[in-house]
Amino acid sequence: MPIYEFHCDQCNLDFEYLVIGKDKPFCPSCKTKKIHKLMSSCGFVSKGAGGGETVKSSASSSGCGSCSATSCGTCGSC
């Protein structure tokens, strides 16, 4: 049962919705179904060789404010 992030096109609200089966999500504020799913950021921890070194990353911590990539070489706008 995944929790997805949505944006309401009518009242401009961002919200989370627990989707169970074939549920049709709706805006909790204005009750419209004119919504779209947002791309959620995720994080991870990677153990380096030998288990001592760790690298933490998140899709929302990019090098610039123009995209959500983790390196500026990906989007090319920097």
N, C-alpha and C. Protein backbone atom coordinates (compact mmCIF):
# COMPACT_ATOMS: atom_id res chain seq x y z
N MET A 1 0.84 -1.18 0.00
CA MET A 1 0.00 0.00 0.00
C MET A 1 0.88 1.25 0.00
N PRO A 2 1.18 1.75 -1.16
CA PRO A 2 2.08 2.91 -1.25
C PRO A 2 1.38 4.23 -0.96
N ILE A 3 2.16 5.14 -0.42
CA ILE A 3 1.71 6.51 -0.21
C ILE A 3 2.32 7.34 -1.33
N TYR A 4 1.47 8.03 -2.09
CA TYR A 4 1.93 8.86 -3.19
C TYR A 4 1.69 10.33 -2.86
N GLU A 5 2.48 11.19 -3.48
CA GLU A 5 2.30 12.64 -3.35
C GLU A 5 1.54 13.13 -4.58
N PHE A 6 0.57 14.02 -4.36
CA PHE A 6 -0.25 14.57 -5.43
C PHE A 6 -0.30 16.08 -5.34
N HIS A 7 -0.68 16.70 -6.46
CA HIS A 7 -0.89 18.15 -6.52
C HIS A 7 -2.28 18.38 -7.09
N CYS A 8 -3.06 19.23 -6.42
CA CYS A 8 -4.41 19.56 -6.87
C CYS A 8 -4.33 20.72 -7.87
N ASP A 9 -4.88 20.50 -9.06
CA ASP A 9 -4.87 21.54 -10.09
C ASP A 9 -5.88 22.65 -9.80
N GLN A 10 -6.87 22.35 -8.97
CA GLN A 10 -7.91 23.34 -8.69
C GLN A 10 -7.55 24.29 -7.56
N CYS A 11 -7.10 23.75 -6.41
CA CYS A 11 -6.80 24.63 -5.26
C CYS A 11 -5.31 24.75 -4.97
N ASN A 12 -4.44 24.10 -5.78
CA ASN A 12 -2.99 24.22 -5.68
C ASN A 12 -2.40 23.59 -4.42
N LEU A 13 -3.07 22.61 -3.84
CA LEU A 13 -2.61 21.94 -2.62
C LEU A 13 -1.74 20.74 -2.99
N ASP A 14 -0.61 20.56 -2.30
CA ASP A 14 0.20 19.35 -2.39
C ASP A 14 -0.17 18.48 -1.19
N PHE A 15 -0.42 17.18 -1.44
CA PHE A 15 -0.84 16.30 -0.35
C PHE A 15 -0.40 14.87 -0.63
N GLU A 16 -0.44 14.04 0.41
CA GLU A 16 -0.12 12.62 0.30
C GLU A 16 -1.41 11.82 0.39
N TYR A 17 -1.44 10.66 -0.29
CA TYR A 17 -2.64 9.84 -0.30
C TYR A 17 -2.21 8.38 -0.28
N LEU A 18 -2.76 7.60 0.64
CA LEU A 18 -2.50 6.17 0.72
C LEU A 18 -3.39 5.48 -0.30
N VAL A 19 -2.80 4.89 -1.32
CA VAL A 19 -3.57 4.25 -2.39
C VAL A 19 -3.72 2.77 -2.08
N ILE A 20 -4.96 2.34 -1.93
CA ILE A 20 -5.27 0.94 -1.64
C ILE A 20 -6.05 0.38 -2.82
N GLY A 21 -5.49 -0.64 -3.47
CA GLY A 21 -6.17 -1.26 -4.61
C GLY A 21 -6.36 -0.29 -5.75
N LYS A 22 -7.61 -0.15 -6.19
CA LYS A 22 -7.92 0.73 -7.31
C LYS A 22 -8.56 2.03 -6.85
N ASP A 23 -8.17 2.49 -5.65
CA ASP A 23 -8.67 3.77 -5.13
C ASP A 23 -8.43 4.89 -6.13
N LYS A 24 -9.38 5.79 -6.23
CA LYS A 24 -9.23 7.00 -7.03
C LYS A 24 -9.00 8.16 -6.07
N PRO A 25 -7.77 8.65 -5.94
CA PRO A 25 -7.48 9.73 -4.99
C PRO A 25 -8.19 11.03 -5.37
N PHE A 26 -8.46 11.84 -4.37
CA PHE A 26 -9.09 13.14 -4.56
C PHE A 26 -8.46 14.12 -3.59
N CYS A 27 -8.62 15.40 -3.86
CA CYS A 27 -8.05 16.45 -3.02
C CYS A 27 -8.79 16.49 -1.68
N PRO A 28 -8.08 16.43 -0.57
CA PRO A 28 -8.76 16.48 0.73
C PRO A 28 -9.33 17.85 1.06
N SER A 29 -8.89 18.88 0.36
CA SER A 29 -9.35 20.24 0.62
C SER A 29 -10.62 20.58 -0.16
N CYS A 30 -10.56 20.44 -1.49
CA CYS A 30 -11.70 20.86 -2.32
C CYS A 30 -12.47 19.68 -2.90
N LYS A 31 -12.00 18.44 -2.66
CA LYS A 31 -12.66 17.19 -3.07
C LYS A 31 -12.66 16.93 -4.58
N THR A 32 -11.92 17.70 -5.37
CA THR A 32 -11.87 17.47 -6.81
C THR A 32 -10.97 16.27 -7.13
N LYS A 33 -11.18 15.68 -8.29
CA LYS A 33 -10.31 14.60 -8.75
C LYS A 33 -9.36 15.11 -9.84
N LYS A 34 -9.30 16.43 -10.01
CA LYS A 34 -8.38 17.05 -10.98
C LYS A 34 -7.03 17.23 -10.31
N ILE A 35 -6.31 16.11 -10.16
CA ILE A 35 -5.02 16.08 -9.47
C ILE A 35 -4.02 15.34 -10.35
N HIS A 36 -2.74 15.51 -10.04
CA HIS A 36 -1.73 14.70 -10.72
C HIS A 36 -0.66 14.28 -9.72
N LYS A 37 -0.06 13.13 -10.01
CA LYS A 37 0.95 12.56 -9.12
C LYS A 37 2.25 13.32 -9.26
N LEU A 38 2.90 13.61 -8.13
CA LEU A 38 4.19 14.29 -8.11
C LEU A 38 5.31 13.27 -8.07
N MET A 39 6.47 13.67 -8.57
CA MET A 39 7.65 12.83 -8.47
C MET A 39 8.22 13.04 -7.07
N SER A 40 8.24 11.99 -6.28
CA SER A 40 8.72 12.08 -4.90
C SER A 40 10.23 11.96 -4.85
N SER A 41 10.83 12.68 -3.92
CA SER A 41 12.27 12.53 -3.71
C SER A 41 12.49 11.36 -2.77
N CYS A 42 13.61 10.70 -2.92
CA CYS A 42 13.92 9.56 -2.05
C CYS A 42 15.37 9.68 -1.63
N GLY A 43 15.71 9.04 -0.58
CA GLY A 43 17.08 9.06 -0.09
C GLY A 43 17.59 7.65 0.08
N PHE A 44 18.90 7.49 0.13
CA PHE A 44 19.48 6.19 0.36
C PHE A 44 20.82 6.33 1.04
N VAL A 45 21.29 5.25 1.65
CA VAL A 45 22.60 5.21 2.27
C VAL A 45 23.34 4.04 1.63
N SER A 46 24.56 4.31 1.17
CA SER A 46 25.36 3.29 0.52
C SER A 46 26.61 3.06 1.34
N LYS A 47 26.88 1.82 1.68
CA LYS A 47 28.10 1.47 2.42
C LYS A 47 29.24 1.35 1.44
N GLY A 48 30.34 1.99 1.73
CA GLY A 48 31.52 1.92 0.88
C GLY A 48 32.22 0.58 1.03
N ALA A 49 33.25 0.36 0.26
CA ALA A 49 34.02 -0.87 0.35
C ALA A 49 34.59 -1.00 1.75
N GLY A 50 34.42 -2.10 2.37
CA GLY A 50 34.91 -2.31 3.73
C GLY A 50 33.86 -1.97 4.78
N GLY A 51 32.76 -1.38 4.39
CA GLY A 51 31.65 -1.12 5.31
C GLY A 51 31.79 0.11 6.16
N GLY A 52 32.94 0.79 6.17
CA GLY A 52 33.12 1.93 7.05
C GLY A 52 32.66 3.26 6.47
N GLU A 53 32.84 3.44 5.21
CA GLU A 53 32.52 4.71 4.56
C GLU A 53 31.05 4.70 4.11
N THR A 54 30.33 5.78 4.37
CA THR A 54 28.95 5.85 3.91
C THR A 54 28.74 7.08 3.04
N VAL A 55 27.89 6.95 2.09
CA VAL A 55 27.53 8.05 1.21
C VAL A 55 26.03 8.22 1.30
N LYS A 56 25.57 9.40 1.69
CA LYS A 56 24.14 9.66 1.77
C LYS A 56 23.76 10.54 0.60
N SER A 57 22.64 10.24 0.00
CA SER A 57 22.20 11.03 -1.13
C SER A 57 20.70 11.19 -1.09
N SER A 58 20.23 12.25 -1.70
CA SER A 58 18.80 12.49 -1.83
C SER A 58 18.56 13.16 -3.17
N ALA A 59 17.46 12.79 -3.82
CA ALA A 59 17.16 13.37 -5.13
C ALA A 59 16.84 14.85 -5.02
N SER A 60 16.47 15.31 -3.84
CA SER A 60 16.11 16.71 -3.69
C SER A 60 17.30 17.60 -3.34
N SER A 61 18.49 17.02 -3.17
CA SER A 61 19.65 17.84 -2.80
C SER A 61 20.59 17.97 -4.00
N SER A 62 20.17 18.70 -4.99
CA SER A 62 20.98 18.85 -6.19
C SER A 62 21.99 19.96 -6.02
N GLY A 63 22.90 20.05 -6.98
CA GLY A 63 23.91 21.08 -6.94
C GLY A 63 23.38 22.45 -7.32
N CYS A 64 22.23 22.51 -7.98
CA CYS A 64 21.65 23.80 -8.37
C CYS A 64 20.15 23.75 -8.14
N GLY A 65 19.49 24.86 -8.25
CA GLY A 65 18.06 24.92 -7.99
C GLY A 65 17.19 24.68 -9.20
N SER A 66 17.79 24.40 -10.37
CA SER A 66 16.98 24.26 -11.58
C SER A 66 16.49 22.85 -11.85
N CYS A 67 16.96 21.87 -11.09
CA CYS A 67 16.49 20.50 -11.31
C CYS A 67 16.62 19.70 -10.02
N SER A 68 16.20 18.43 -10.07
CA SER A 68 16.30 17.59 -8.89
C SER A 68 17.39 16.54 -9.03
N ALA A 69 18.26 16.66 -10.02
CA ALA A 69 19.36 15.71 -10.19
C ALA A 69 20.38 15.89 -9.09
N THR A 70 21.15 14.85 -8.82
CA THR A 70 22.14 14.92 -7.76
C THR A 70 23.47 15.47 -8.24
N SER A 71 23.65 15.63 -9.55
CA SER A 71 24.86 16.26 -10.05
C SER A 71 24.51 17.17 -11.22
N CYS A 72 25.24 18.26 -11.36
CA CYS A 72 24.95 19.23 -12.42
C CYS A 72 25.25 18.68 -13.80
N GLY A 73 26.04 17.63 -13.90
CA GLY A 73 26.31 17.02 -15.20
C GLY A 73 25.10 16.37 -15.80
N THR A 74 24.08 16.09 -14.98
CA THR A 74 22.89 15.42 -15.47
C THR A 74 21.97 16.35 -16.24
N CYS A 75 21.70 17.54 -15.71
CA CYS A 75 20.72 18.42 -16.36
C CYS A 75 21.37 19.38 -17.35
N GLY A 76 22.64 19.72 -17.16
CA GLY A 76 23.35 20.57 -18.09
C GLY A 76 23.01 22.04 -18.00
N SER A 77 22.24 22.46 -17.00
CA SER A 77 21.87 23.89 -16.93
C SER A 77 22.88 24.71 -16.13
N CYS A 78 23.81 24.08 -15.50
CA CYS A 78 24.81 24.82 -14.70
C CYS A 78 26.10 24.98 -15.47
